[in-house]
Amino acid sequence: MEPGVAAPFTVASSNNNNNNVEEIEISEVANGSYREEAAGEDEGNGETPSGGWNTAFILLANQALATLAFFGVGVNLVLFLTRVMGQDSAEAANSVSKWTGTVYICSLLGAFLSDSYWGRYRTCTVFQMIFVVGLGLLSFGTWRFLIKPEGCGDEKTECRKPTSTGVYIFYVSIYMVALGYGGHQPTLATFGADQFDDKKQEHRGSREAFFCYFYFALNVGSLFSNTLLVYFENSGMWTGGFIVSLASALVALVSFVACFRRYRYVDPCGNPVVRVAQVFVAATRKWKLHPAQADDLHELDGPESAIRGSRKIMHSQDFA
């Protein structure tokens, strides 16, 4: 066979639990290596195709609404801590820095859970629910315990000293917001990319476009929160601003869950830490062995040596 000429054939692998048969296409490519791809999930089965730009636009709207809700809290957090909570500027800035750092740490947690165990849809749903609960608790706590008298914190009317209960509810709520938004945002981006199948001609190049629109949606949400919500909150309507953020996050969650039948899903690949550790263990055990010749290296054909949910890396003579 000439190098670079594909010779596809189909291998059927059965699932012992439900006896479903999954078709896997194995194509021989250059250098005698193989590439494995799952058969198209919507082709020839008479079902409505999932994924594509219809669901991607829903996720873009979700990102805009979630960003509006998040920055509705974060953009004026320093002023809230100084005017309502009675902190000085240095203490308030330190508190906001810790809170922002928590958001980024939670992003790593969300990405790990979505890729390894939960899948992206479930991860997005769970963290968005945490996000909504945190905003609801923040709205209630500020209205019930912190904004006393009503309309305080506008540079003209001083707020009373916050109660210990109000302070506790406030910090629990904003860290729930950090956990929810941090775990949700990176997972939503990859879930949006999952809506496009590179094997379909009409989807090629769509992932790159999606990430551009995703960044645009993020900035649209940030624009509204940095203009309208900031104006209301600076005027002393803190609770009203938080309620707007809550409503925005709630609409995002409901619209996201309502379209679950239309999404295209990619199964999680399992814990990557185990596979990385296996490489180091194997390297440690075999570090005294002489390097094998190129002709002695091989990989089993077909799906036997493949990792479910991942594609095989095609053979290359280069390190890059």
C-alpha atoms as a PDB file:
ATOM      1  CA  MET A   1       0.000   0.000   0.000  1.00  0.00           C
ATOM      2  CA  GLU A   2       1.293   3.443  -0.877  1.00  0.00           C
ATOM      3  CA  PRO A   3       2.014   5.805   2.040  1.00  0.00           C
ATOM      4  CA  GLY A   4      -0.745   8.314   2.715  1.00  0.00           C
ATOM      5  CA  VAL A   5      -3.499   6.275   1.064  1.00  0.00           C
ATOM      6  CA  ALA A   6      -6.271   5.502   3.549  1.00  0.00           C
ATOM      7  CA  ALA A   7      -7.749   2.022   3.723  1.00  0.00           C
ATOM      8  CA  PRO A   8     -10.629   2.207   6.187  1.00  0.00           C
ATOM      9  CA  PHE A   9     -12.239  -0.810   7.703  1.00  0.00           C
ATOM     10  CA  THR A  10     -14.784  -1.173  10.500  1.00  0.00           C
ATOM     11  CA  VAL A  11     -14.372  -2.937  13.812  1.00  0.00           C
ATOM     12  CA  ALA A  12     -17.389  -3.679  16.004  1.00  0.00           C
ATOM     13  CA  SER A  13     -16.880  -3.500  19.757  1.00  0.00           C
ATOM     14  CA  SER A  14     -19.691  -4.655  22.042  1.00  0.00           C
ATOM     15  CA  ASN A  15     -20.661  -3.245  25.390  1.00  0.00           C
ATOM     16  CA  ASN A  16     -21.338  -5.979  27.955  1.00  0.00           C
ATOM     17  CA  ASN A  17     -23.840  -3.904  29.909  1.00  0.00           C
ATOM     18  CA  ASN A  18     -26.324  -2.990  27.199  1.00  0.00           C
ATOM     19  CA  ASN A  19     -25.107  -5.027  24.217  1.00  0.00           C
ATOM     20  CA  ASN A  20     -24.828  -1.891  22.104  1.00  0.00           C
ATOM     21  CA  VAL A  21     -22.444  -2.028  19.201  1.00  0.00           C
ATOM     22  CA  GLU A  22     -20.141   0.875  18.551  1.00  0.00           C
ATOM     23  CA  GLU A  23     -18.574   1.216  15.122  1.00  0.00           C
ATOM     24  CA  ILE A  24     -14.996   2.405  15.031  1.00  0.00           C
ATOM     25  CA  GLU A  25     -13.269   3.341  11.827  1.00  0.00           C
ATOM     26  CA  ILE A  26      -9.586   2.434  11.582  1.00  0.00           C
ATOM     27  CA  SER A  27      -7.745   4.116   8.741  1.00  0.00           C
ATOM     28  CA  GLU A  28      -4.208   3.283   7.696  1.00  0.00           C
ATOM     29  CA  VAL A  29      -2.219   6.420   6.983  1.00  0.00           C
ATOM     30  CA  ALA A  30       1.370   7.251   6.164  1.00  0.00           C
ATOM     31  CA  ASN A  31       4.223   5.269   7.749  1.00  0.00           C
ATOM     32  CA  GLY A  32       1.931   2.284   8.357  1.00  0.00           C
ATOM     33  CA  SER A  33       0.345   3.847  11.466  1.00  0.00           C
ATOM     34  CA  TYR A  34      -3.353   3.921  12.199  1.00  0.00           C
ATOM     35  CA  ARG A  35      -5.884   6.548  13.167  1.00  0.00           C
ATOM     36  CA  GLU A  36      -9.059   5.657  15.053  1.00  0.00           C
ATOM     37  CA  GLU A  37     -12.301   7.641  14.925  1.00  0.00           C
ATOM     38  CA  ALA A  38     -15.792   6.852  16.187  1.00  0.00           C
ATOM     39  CA  ALA A  39     -18.489   6.564  13.576  1.00  0.00           C
ATOM     40  CA  GLY A  40     -20.739   9.622  13.141  1.00  0.00           C
ATOM     41  CA  GLU A  41     -23.318   9.697  15.903  1.00  0.00           C
ATOM     42  CA  ASP A  42     -26.080  11.377  13.873  1.00  0.00           C
ATOM     43  CA  GLU A  43     -25.481   9.932  10.442  1.00  0.00           C
ATOM     44  CA  GLY A  44     -28.040   7.505   9.070  1.00  0.00           C
ATOM     45  CA  ASN A  45     -30.000   6.957  12.273  1.00  0.00           C
ATOM     46  CA  GLY A  46     -32.963   9.171  11.423  1.00  0.00           C
ATOM     47  CA  GLU A  47     -32.500  11.323  14.558  1.00  0.00           C
ATOM     48  CA  THR A  48     -32.224  15.097  14.711  1.00  0.00           C
ATOM     49  CA  PRO A  49     -28.524  16.027  14.559  1.00  0.00           C
ATOM     50  CA  SER A  50     -27.123  17.400  17.809  1.00  0.00           C
ATOM     51  CA  GLY A  51     -24.630  20.179  18.311  1.00  0.00           C
ATOM     52  CA  GLY A  52     -23.697  22.789  15.739  1.00  0.00           C
ATOM     53  CA  TRP A  53     -24.197  26.530  15.821  1.00  0.00           C
ATOM     54  CA  ASN A  54     -27.749  26.337  17.207  1.00  0.00           C
ATOM     55  CA  THR A  55     -26.532  24.978  20.522  1.00  0.00           C
ATOM     56  CA  ALA A  56     -23.323  27.034  20.366  1.00  0.00           C
ATOM     57  CA  PHE A  57     -25.353  30.262  20.354  1.00  0.00           C
ATOM     58  CA  ILE A  58     -27.185  29.090  23.464  1.00  0.00           C
ATOM     59  CA  LEU A  59     -23.843  28.596  25.197  1.00  0.00           C
ATOM     60  CA  LEU A  60     -22.625  32.001  24.031  1.00  0.00           C
ATOM     61  CA  ALA A  61     -25.701  33.631  25.537  1.00  0.00           C
ATOM     62  CA  ASN A  62     -25.071  31.637  28.703  1.00  0.00           C
ATOM     63  CA  GLN A  63     -21.548  32.998  28.895  1.00  0.00           C
ATOM     64  CA  ALA A  64     -22.705  36.601  28.425  1.00  0.00           C
ATOM     65  CA  LEU A  65     -25.354  36.286  31.144  1.00  0.00           C
ATOM     66  CA  ALA A  66     -23.018  34.521  33.582  1.00  0.00           C
ATOM     67  CA  THR A  67     -20.303  37.138  33.044  1.00  0.00           C
ATOM     68  CA  LEU A  68     -22.799  39.945  33.635  1.00  0.00           C
ATOM     69  CA  ALA A  69     -23.820  38.275  36.899  1.00  0.00           C
ATOM     70  CA  PHE A  70     -20.250  37.660  38.047  1.00  0.00           C
ATOM     71  CA  PHE A  71     -18.874  41.112  37.341  1.00  0.00           C
ATOM     72  CA  GLY A  72     -22.015  42.619  38.814  1.00  0.00           C
ATOM     73  CA  VAL A  73     -20.566  41.369  42.093  1.00  0.00           C
ATOM     74  CA  GLY A  74     -16.833  41.590  41.486  1.00  0.00           C
ATOM     75  CA  VAL A  75     -16.407  44.948  39.818  1.00  0.00           C
ATOM     76  CA  ASN A  76     -17.635  46.930  42.848  1.00  0.00           C
ATOM     77  CA  LEU A  77     -16.554  44.546  45.572  1.00  0.00           C
ATOM     78  CA  VAL A  78     -13.837  46.850  46.928  1.00  0.00           C
ATOM     79  CA  LEU A  79     -16.330  49.709  47.297  1.00  0.00           C
ATOM     80  CA  PHE A  80     -18.824  47.407  48.998  1.00  0.00           C
ATOM     81  CA  LEU A  81     -16.222  46.282  51.522  1.00  0.00           C
ATOM     82  CA  THR A  82     -15.192  49.846  52.324  1.00  0.00           C
ATOM     83  CA  ARG A  83     -18.595  51.561  52.323  1.00  0.00           C
ATOM     84  CA  VAL A  84     -20.842  48.811  53.701  1.00  0.00           C
ATOM     85  CA  MET A  85     -18.539  46.434  55.576  1.00  0.00           C
ATOM     86  CA  GLY A  86     -16.400  49.219  57.065  1.00  0.00           C
ATOM     87  CA  GLN A  87     -13.000  47.913  55.925  1.00  0.00           C
ATOM     88  CA  ASP A  88     -10.125  50.209  55.022  1.00  0.00           C
ATOM     89  CA  SER A  89      -8.824  50.294  51.453  1.00  0.00           C
ATOM     90  CA  ALA A  90      -5.828  48.012  52.072  1.00  0.00           C
ATOM     91  CA  GLU A  91      -7.905  45.364  53.831  1.00  0.00           C
ATOM     92  CA  ALA A  92     -10.594  45.516  51.154  1.00  0.00           C
ATOM     93  CA  ALA A  93      -8.053  45.174  48.330  1.00  0.00           C
ATOM     94  CA  ASN A  94      -6.494  42.168  50.069  1.00  0.00           C
ATOM     95  CA  SER A  95      -9.892  40.516  50.492  1.00  0.00           C
ATOM     96  CA  VAL A  96     -10.726  40.997  46.819  1.00  0.00           C
ATOM     97  CA  SER A  97      -7.338  39.607  45.754  1.00  0.00           C
ATOM     98  CA  LYS A  98      -7.951  36.427  47.752  1.00  0.00           C
ATOM     99  CA  TRP A  99     -11.432  36.138  46.280  1.00  0.00           C
ATOM    100  CA  THR A 100     -10.156  36.595  42.718  1.00  0.00           C
ATOM    101  CA  GLY A 101      -7.450  33.984  43.294  1.00  0.00           C
ATOM    102  CA  THR A 102     -10.124  31.561  44.461  1.00  0.00           C
ATOM    103  CA  VAL A 103     -11.943  32.007  41.158  1.00  0.00           C
ATOM    104  CA  TYR A 104      -8.864  30.928  39.189  1.00  0.00           C
ATOM    105  CA  ILE A 105      -8.156  27.982  41.482  1.00  0.00           C
ATOM    106  CA  CYS A 106     -11.738  26.800  41.070  1.00  0.00           C
ATOM    107  CA  SER A 107     -11.266  27.011  37.301  1.00  0.00           C
ATOM    108  CA  LEU A 108      -8.665  24.253  37.596  1.00  0.00           C
ATOM    109  CA  LEU A 109     -11.046  22.188  39.699  1.00  0.00           C
ATOM    110  CA  GLY A 110     -13.871  22.543  37.194  1.00  0.00           C
ATOM    111  CA  ALA A 111     -11.660  21.685  34.240  1.00  0.00           C
ATOM    112  CA  PHE A 112     -10.305  18.574  35.987  1.00  0.00           C
ATOM    113  CA  LEU A 113     -13.740  17.267  36.957  1.00  0.00           C
ATOM    114  CA  SER A 114     -15.233  17.865  33.529  1.00  0.00           C
ATOM    115  CA  ASP A 115     -12.427  16.211  31.570  1.00  0.00           C
ATOM    116  CA  SER A 116     -11.879  13.295  33.953  1.00  0.00           C
ATOM    117  CA  TYR A 117     -15.097  12.268  35.661  1.00  0.00           C
ATOM    118  CA  TRP A 118     -18.297  14.286  35.353  1.00  0.00           C
ATOM    119  CA  GLY A 119     -18.300  15.374  31.737  1.00  0.00           C
ATOM    120  CA  ARG A 120     -18.771  18.970  30.655  1.00  0.00           C
ATOM    121  CA  TYR A 121     -22.540  19.224  30.760  1.00  0.00           C
ATOM    122  CA  ARG A 122     -22.838  17.900  34.307  1.00  0.00           C
ATOM    123  CA  THR A 123     -19.938  20.040  35.511  1.00  0.00           C
ATOM    124  CA  CYS A 124     -21.456  23.187  33.986  1.00  0.00           C
ATOM    125  CA  THR A 125     -24.836  22.404  35.547  1.00  0.00           C
ATOM    126  CA  VAL A 126     -23.479  21.727  39.043  1.00  0.00           C
ATOM    127  CA  PHE A 127     -21.266  24.810  39.175  1.00  0.00           C
ATOM    128  CA  GLN A 128     -23.958  27.059  37.713  1.00  0.00           C
ATOM    129  CA  MET A 129     -26.335  25.890  40.445  1.00  0.00           C
ATOM    130  CA  ILE A 130     -23.709  26.773  43.063  1.00  0.00           C
ATOM    131  CA  PHE A 131     -23.310  30.133  41.337  1.00  0.00           C
ATOM    132  CA  VAL A 132     -27.054  30.870  41.471  1.00  0.00           C
ATOM    133  CA  VAL A 133     -27.360  29.808  45.122  1.00  0.00           C
ATOM    134  CA  GLY A 134     -24.417  32.024  46.044  1.00  0.00           C
ATOM    135  CA  LEU A 135     -25.955  35.044  44.320  1.00  0.00           C
ATOM    136  CA  GLY A 136     -29.306  34.367  45.972  1.00  0.00           C
ATOM    137  CA  LEU A 137     -27.680  34.138  49.389  1.00  0.00           C
ATOM    138  CA  LEU A 138     -25.711  37.327  48.712  1.00  0.00           C
ATOM    139  CA  SER A 139     -28.855  39.230  47.695  1.00  0.00           C
ATOM    140  CA  PHE A 140     -30.754  38.072  50.760  1.00  0.00           C
ATOM    141  CA  GLY A 141     -27.875  38.630  53.180  1.00  0.00           C
ATOM    142  CA  THR A 142     -27.153  42.175  52.063  1.00  0.00           C
ATOM    143  CA  TRP A 143     -30.836  43.136  52.137  1.00  0.00           C
ATOM    144  CA  ARG A 144     -31.557  41.526  55.502  1.00  0.00           C
ATOM    145  CA  PHE A 145     -28.381  42.185  57.478  1.00  0.00           C
ATOM    146  CA  LEU A 146     -25.981  44.651  55.816  1.00  0.00           C
ATOM    147  CA  ILE A 147     -27.760  47.487  54.005  1.00  0.00           C
ATOM    148  CA  LYS A 148     -28.932  49.302  57.118  1.00  0.00           C
ATOM    149  CA  PRO A 149     -30.365  51.913  56.748  1.00  0.00           C
ATOM    150  CA  GLU A 150     -31.761  51.348  53.261  1.00  0.00           C
ATOM    151  CA  GLY A 151     -29.757  53.098  50.541  1.00  0.00           C
ATOM    152  CA  CYS A 152     -26.570  53.385  52.587  1.00  0.00           C
ATOM    153  CA  GLY A 153     -23.141  52.969  51.021  1.00  0.00           C
ATOM    154  CA  ASP A 154     -23.562  55.760  48.467  1.00  0.00           C
ATOM    155  CA  GLU A 155     -20.836  58.042  49.931  1.00  0.00           C
ATOM    156  CA  LYS A 156     -23.546  60.130  51.621  1.00  0.00           C
ATOM    157  CA  THR A 157     -25.242  57.745  54.028  1.00  0.00           C
ATOM    158  CA  GLU A 158     -23.071  55.581  56.259  1.00  0.00           C
ATOM    159  CA  CYS A 159     -24.085  52.011  56.966  1.00  0.00           C
ATOM    160  CA  ARG A 160     -24.374  50.637  60.466  1.00  0.00           C
ATOM    161  CA  LYS A 161     -21.712  48.302  61.743  1.00  0.00           C
ATOM    162  CA  PRO A 162     -22.376  44.867  60.198  1.00  0.00           C
ATOM    163  CA  THR A 163     -23.478  42.040  62.440  1.00  0.00           C
ATOM    164  CA  SER A 164     -21.476  38.832  62.735  1.00  0.00           C
ATOM    165  CA  THR A 165     -24.300  36.944  61.035  1.00  0.00           C
ATOM    166  CA  GLY A 166     -24.307  39.356  58.122  1.00  0.00           C
ATOM    167  CA  VAL A 167     -20.528  39.103  57.726  1.00  0.00           C
ATOM    168  CA  TYR A 168     -20.659  35.302  57.795  1.00  0.00           C
ATOM    169  CA  ILE A 169     -23.416  35.108  55.189  1.00  0.00           C
ATOM    170  CA  PHE A 170     -21.620  37.620  53.004  1.00  0.00           C
ATOM    171  CA  TYR A 171     -18.325  35.729  52.878  1.00  0.00           C
ATOM    172  CA  VAL A 172     -20.003  32.346  52.384  1.00  0.00           C
ATOM    173  CA  SER A 173     -22.042  33.744  49.501  1.00  0.00           C
ATOM    174  CA  ILE A 174     -19.214  35.480  47.629  1.00  0.00           C
ATOM    175  CA  TYR A 175     -17.011  32.399  47.854  1.00  0.00           C
ATOM    176  CA  MET A 176     -19.878  30.301  46.534  1.00  0.00           C
ATOM    177  CA  VAL A 177     -20.018  32.776  43.646  1.00  0.00           C
ATOM    178  CA  ALA A 178     -16.265  32.323  43.118  1.00  0.00           C
ATOM    179  CA  LEU A 179     -16.586  28.530  43.183  1.00  0.00           C
ATOM    180  CA  GLY A 180     -19.558  28.485  40.838  1.00  0.00           C
ATOM    181  CA  TYR A 181     -18.254  30.899  38.234  1.00  0.00           C
ATOM    182  CA  GLY A 182     -14.692  29.595  38.401  1.00  0.00           C
ATOM    183  CA  GLY A 183     -15.733  25.998  37.789  1.00  0.00           C
ATOM    184  CA  HIS A 184     -18.269  26.930  35.142  1.00  0.00           C
ATOM    185  CA  GLN A 185     -16.425  29.252  32.757  1.00  0.00           C
ATOM    186  CA  PRO A 186     -13.580  27.054  31.398  1.00  0.00           C
ATOM    187  CA  THR A 187     -15.895  24.054  31.194  1.00  0.00           C
ATOM    188  CA  LEU A 188     -18.442  26.030  29.185  1.00  0.00           C
ATOM    189  CA  ALA A 189     -15.774  27.027  26.657  1.00  0.00           C
ATOM    190  CA  THR A 190     -14.730  23.437  25.977  1.00  0.00           C
ATOM    191  CA  PHE A 191     -18.351  22.268  25.979  1.00  0.00           C
ATOM    192  CA  GLY A 192     -19.020  24.834  23.272  1.00  0.00           C
ATOM    193  CA  ALA A 193     -16.134  23.470  21.227  1.00  0.00           C
ATOM    194  CA  ASP A 194     -17.601  19.973  21.649  1.00  0.00           C
ATOM    195  CA  GLN A 195     -20.662  21.070  19.680  1.00  0.00           C
ATOM    196  CA  PHE A 196     -18.632  20.896  16.466  1.00  0.00           C
ATOM    197  CA  ASP A 197     -17.488  17.646  14.891  1.00  0.00           C
ATOM    198  CA  ASP A 198     -14.340  18.029  12.791  1.00  0.00           C
ATOM    199  CA  LYS A 199     -15.340  14.964  10.780  1.00  0.00           C
ATOM    200  CA  LYS A 200     -18.275  16.932   9.349  1.00  0.00           C
ATOM    201  CA  GLN A 201     -17.420  19.262   6.519  1.00  0.00           C
ATOM    202  CA  GLU A 202     -19.804  21.987   7.669  1.00  0.00           C
ATOM    203  CA  HIS A 203     -18.205  22.100  11.148  1.00  0.00           C
ATOM    204  CA  ARG A 204     -14.568  22.473  10.089  1.00  0.00           C
ATOM    205  CA  GLY A 205     -13.168  25.790  11.232  1.00  0.00           C
ATOM    206  CA  SER A 206     -16.188  26.426  13.454  1.00  0.00           C
ATOM    207  CA  ARG A 207     -14.329  25.804  16.706  1.00  0.00           C
ATOM    208  CA  GLU A 208     -11.915  28.647  16.046  1.00  0.00           C
ATOM    209  CA  ALA A 209     -14.820  30.943  15.260  1.00  0.00           C
ATOM    210  CA  PHE A 210     -16.632  29.823  18.403  1.00  0.00           C
ATOM    211  CA  PHE A 211     -13.755  30.842  20.663  1.00  0.00           C
ATOM    212  CA  CYS A 212     -13.721  34.297  19.048  1.00  0.00           C
ATOM    213  CA  TYR A 213     -17.441  34.682  19.672  1.00  0.00           C
ATOM    214  CA  PHE A 214     -16.983  33.291  23.183  1.00  0.00           C
ATOM    215  CA  TYR A 215     -14.532  36.052  24.044  1.00  0.00           C
ATOM    216  CA  PHE A 216     -16.907  38.584  22.471  1.00  0.00           C
ATOM    217  CA  ALA A 217     -19.795  37.297  24.621  1.00  0.00           C
ATOM    218  CA  LEU A 218     -17.628  37.567  27.723  1.00  0.00           C
ATOM    219  CA  ASN A 219     -16.913  41.217  26.959  1.00  0.00           C
ATOM    220  CA  VAL A 220     -20.563  41.985  26.192  1.00  0.00           C
ATOM    221  CA  GLY A 221     -21.584  40.709  29.612  1.00  0.00           C
ATOM    222  CA  SER A 222     -18.754  42.603  31.253  1.00  0.00           C
ATOM    223  CA  LEU A 223     -19.776  45.795  29.432  1.00  0.00           C
ATOM    224  CA  PHE A 224     -23.262  45.844  30.922  1.00  0.00           C
ATOM    225  CA  SER A 225     -22.084  44.997  34.428  1.00  0.00           C
ATOM    226  CA  ASN A 226     -19.356  47.657  34.320  1.00  0.00           C
ATOM    227  CA  THR A 227     -21.784  50.375  33.218  1.00  0.00           C
ATOM    228  CA  LEU A 228     -25.386  49.864  34.302  1.00  0.00           C
ATOM    229  CA  LEU A 229     -24.852  47.767  37.442  1.00  0.00           C
ATOM    230  CA  VAL A 230     -21.958  49.897  38.627  1.00  0.00           C
ATOM    231  CA  TYR A 231     -24.137  53.007  38.350  1.00  0.00           C
ATOM    232  CA  PHE A 232     -26.945  51.479  40.436  1.00  0.00           C
ATOM    233  CA  GLU A 233     -24.590  50.119  43.079  1.00  0.00           C
ATOM    234  CA  ASN A 234     -22.684  53.384  43.408  1.00  0.00           C
ATOM    235  CA  SER A 235     -26.048  55.049  44.027  1.00  0.00           C
ATOM    236  CA  GLY A 236     -26.619  52.840  47.058  1.00  0.00           C
ATOM    237  CA  MET A 237     -28.837  50.252  45.333  1.00  0.00           C
ATOM    238  CA  TRP A 238     -26.550  47.362  46.229  1.00  0.00           C
ATOM    239  CA  THR A 239     -29.283  44.816  46.765  1.00  0.00           C
ATOM    240  CA  GLY A 240     -30.935  45.776  43.472  1.00  0.00           C
ATOM    241  CA  GLY A 241     -27.647  45.249  41.630  1.00  0.00           C
ATOM    242  CA  PHE A 242     -27.164  41.836  43.216  1.00  0.00           C
ATOM    243  CA  ILE A 243     -30.742  40.847  42.345  1.00  0.00           C
ATOM    244  CA  VAL A 244     -30.095  41.753  38.699  1.00  0.00           C
ATOM    245  CA  SER A 245     -27.013  39.528  38.803  1.00  0.00           C
ATOM    246  CA  LEU A 246     -29.104  36.748  40.347  1.00  0.00           C
ATOM    247  CA  ALA A 247     -31.764  37.056  37.642  1.00  0.00           C
ATOM    248  CA  SER A 248     -29.133  36.974  34.907  1.00  0.00           C
ATOM    249  CA  ALA A 249     -27.500  33.833  36.326  1.00  0.00           C
ATOM    250  CA  LEU A 250     -30.883  32.167  36.802  1.00  0.00           C
ATOM    251  CA  VAL A 251     -31.897  32.795  33.181  1.00  0.00           C
ATOM    252  CA  ALA A 252     -28.529  31.400  32.070  1.00  0.00           C
ATOM    253  CA  LEU A 253     -29.004  28.230  34.122  1.00  0.00           C
ATOM    254  CA  VAL A 254     -32.595  27.585  33.036  1.00  0.00           C
ATOM    255  CA  SER A 255     -31.834  28.101  29.338  1.00  0.00           C
ATOM    256  CA  PHE A 256     -28.757  25.875  29.615  1.00  0.00           C
ATOM    257  CA  VAL A 257     -30.592  22.969  31.246  1.00  0.00           C
ATOM    258  CA  ALA A 258     -33.678  23.297  29.028  1.00  0.00           C
ATOM    259  CA  CYS A 259     -31.678  22.489  25.884  1.00  0.00           C
ATOM    260  CA  PHE A 260     -29.933  19.378  27.199  1.00  0.00           C
ATOM    261  CA  ARG A 261     -31.393  17.132  24.480  1.00  0.00           C
ATOM    262  CA  ARG A 262     -29.876  19.257  21.728  1.00  0.00           C
ATOM    263  CA  TYR A 263     -26.253  19.243  22.865  1.00  0.00           C
ATOM    264  CA  ARG A 264     -23.469  17.119  21.473  1.00  0.00           C
ATOM    265  CA  TYR A 265     -21.643  15.264  24.260  1.00  0.00           C
ATOM    266  CA  VAL A 266     -18.083  13.963  24.556  1.00  0.00           C
ATOM    267  CA  ASP A 267     -17.414  11.378  27.265  1.00  0.00           C
ATOM    268  CA  PRO A 268     -14.762  12.135  29.920  1.00  0.00           C
ATOM    269  CA  CYS A 269     -11.438  10.347  29.426  1.00  0.00           C
ATOM    270  CA  GLY A 270     -10.723   9.371  33.026  1.00  0.00           C
ATOM    271  CA  ASN A 271      -8.114  10.633  35.447  1.00  0.00           C
ATOM    272  CA  PRO A 272      -5.046  11.761  33.433  1.00  0.00           C
ATOM    273  CA  VAL A 273      -2.858  11.784  36.552  1.00  0.00           C
ATOM    274  CA  VAL A 274      -2.873   7.979  36.593  1.00  0.00           C
ATOM    275  CA  ARG A 275      -1.719   7.747  32.975  1.00  0.00           C
ATOM    276  CA  VAL A 276       1.027  10.323  33.557  1.00  0.00           C
ATOM    277  CA  ALA A 277       2.167   8.445  36.663  1.00  0.00           C
ATOM    278  CA  GLN A 278       2.310   5.220  34.642  1.00  0.00           C
ATOM    279  CA  VAL A 279       4.768   6.872  32.262  1.00  0.00           C
ATOM    280  CA  PHE A 280       7.108   7.845  35.105  1.00  0.00           C
ATOM    281  CA  VAL A 281       6.861   4.410  36.718  1.00  0.00           C
ATOM    282  CA  ALA A 282       7.634   2.682  33.422  1.00  0.00           C
ATOM    283  CA  ALA A 283      10.529   5.061  32.746  1.00  0.00           C
ATOM    284  CA  THR A 284      11.974   4.410  36.226  1.00  0.00           C
ATOM    285  CA  ARG A 285      11.800   0.648  35.813  1.00  0.00           C
ATOM    286  CA  LYS A 286      13.378   0.663  32.383  1.00  0.00           C
ATOM    287  CA  TRP A 287      15.951   3.427  32.688  1.00  0.00           C
ATOM    288  CA  LYS A 288      18.860   0.961  32.386  1.00  0.00           C
ATOM    289  CA  LEU A 289      17.561  -0.613  29.183  1.00  0.00           C
ATOM    290  CA  HIS A 290      19.156   0.246  25.876  1.00  0.00           C
ATOM    291  CA  PRO A 291      16.964   2.299  23.522  1.00  0.00           C
ATOM    292  CA  ALA A 292      15.086   0.154  21.046  1.00  0.00           C
ATOM    293  CA  GLN A 293      15.593   0.472  17.328  1.00  0.00           C
ATOM    294  CA  ALA A 294      12.892   2.246  15.382  1.00  0.00           C
ATOM    295  CA  ASP A 295      11.888  -0.976  13.607  1.00  0.00           C
ATOM    296  CA  ASP A 296      11.289  -2.710  16.948  1.00  0.00           C
ATOM    297  CA  LEU A 297       8.713  -0.174  18.121  1.00  0.00           C
ATOM    298  CA  HIS A 298       5.098  -1.001  17.406  1.00  0.00           C
ATOM    299  CA  GLU A 299       1.530  -0.326  18.460  1.00  0.00           C
ATOM    300  CA  LEU A 300      -1.358  -2.745  18.269  1.00  0.00           C
ATOM    301  CA  ASP A 301      -3.677  -2.074  15.358  1.00  0.00           C
ATOM    302  CA  GLY A 302      -7.295  -1.159  15.896  1.00  0.00           C
ATOM    303  CA  PRO A 303      -8.934  -0.022  19.140  1.00  0.00           C
ATOM    304  CA  GLU A 304      -7.100  -2.460  21.432  1.00  0.00           C
ATOM    305  CA  SER A 305      -4.331  -0.048  22.443  1.00  0.00           C
ATOM    306  CA  ALA A 306      -6.465   3.107  22.197  1.00  0.00           C
ATOM    307  CA  ILE A 307      -7.693   5.183  25.134  1.00  0.00           C
ATOM    308  CA  ARG A 308     -11.452   5.641  25.008  1.00  0.00           C
ATOM    309  CA  GLY A 309     -12.348   9.248  24.250  1.00  0.00           C
ATOM    310  CA  SER A 310      -8.871  10.074  22.889  1.00  0.00           C
ATOM    311  CA  ARG A 311      -7.345   9.809  19.465  1.00  0.00           C
ATOM    312  CA  LYS A 312      -4.123   7.990  18.740  1.00  0.00           C
ATOM    313  CA  ILE A 313      -1.081  10.098  17.986  1.00  0.00           C
ATOM    314  CA  MET A 314       0.169   9.338  14.480  1.00  0.00           C
ATOM    315  CA  HIS A 315       3.751   8.152  14.192  1.00  0.00           C
ATOM    316  CA  SER A 316       6.389  10.787  13.478  1.00  0.00           C
ATOM    317  CA  GLN A 317      10.169  10.703  13.048  1.00  0.00           C
ATOM    318  CA  ASP A 318      10.487  14.127  14.686  1.00  0.00           C
ATOM    319  CA  PHE A 319      10.363  15.215  18.308  1.00  0.00           C
ATOM    320  CA  ALA A 320       8.331  18.343  17.556  1.00  0.00           C
END
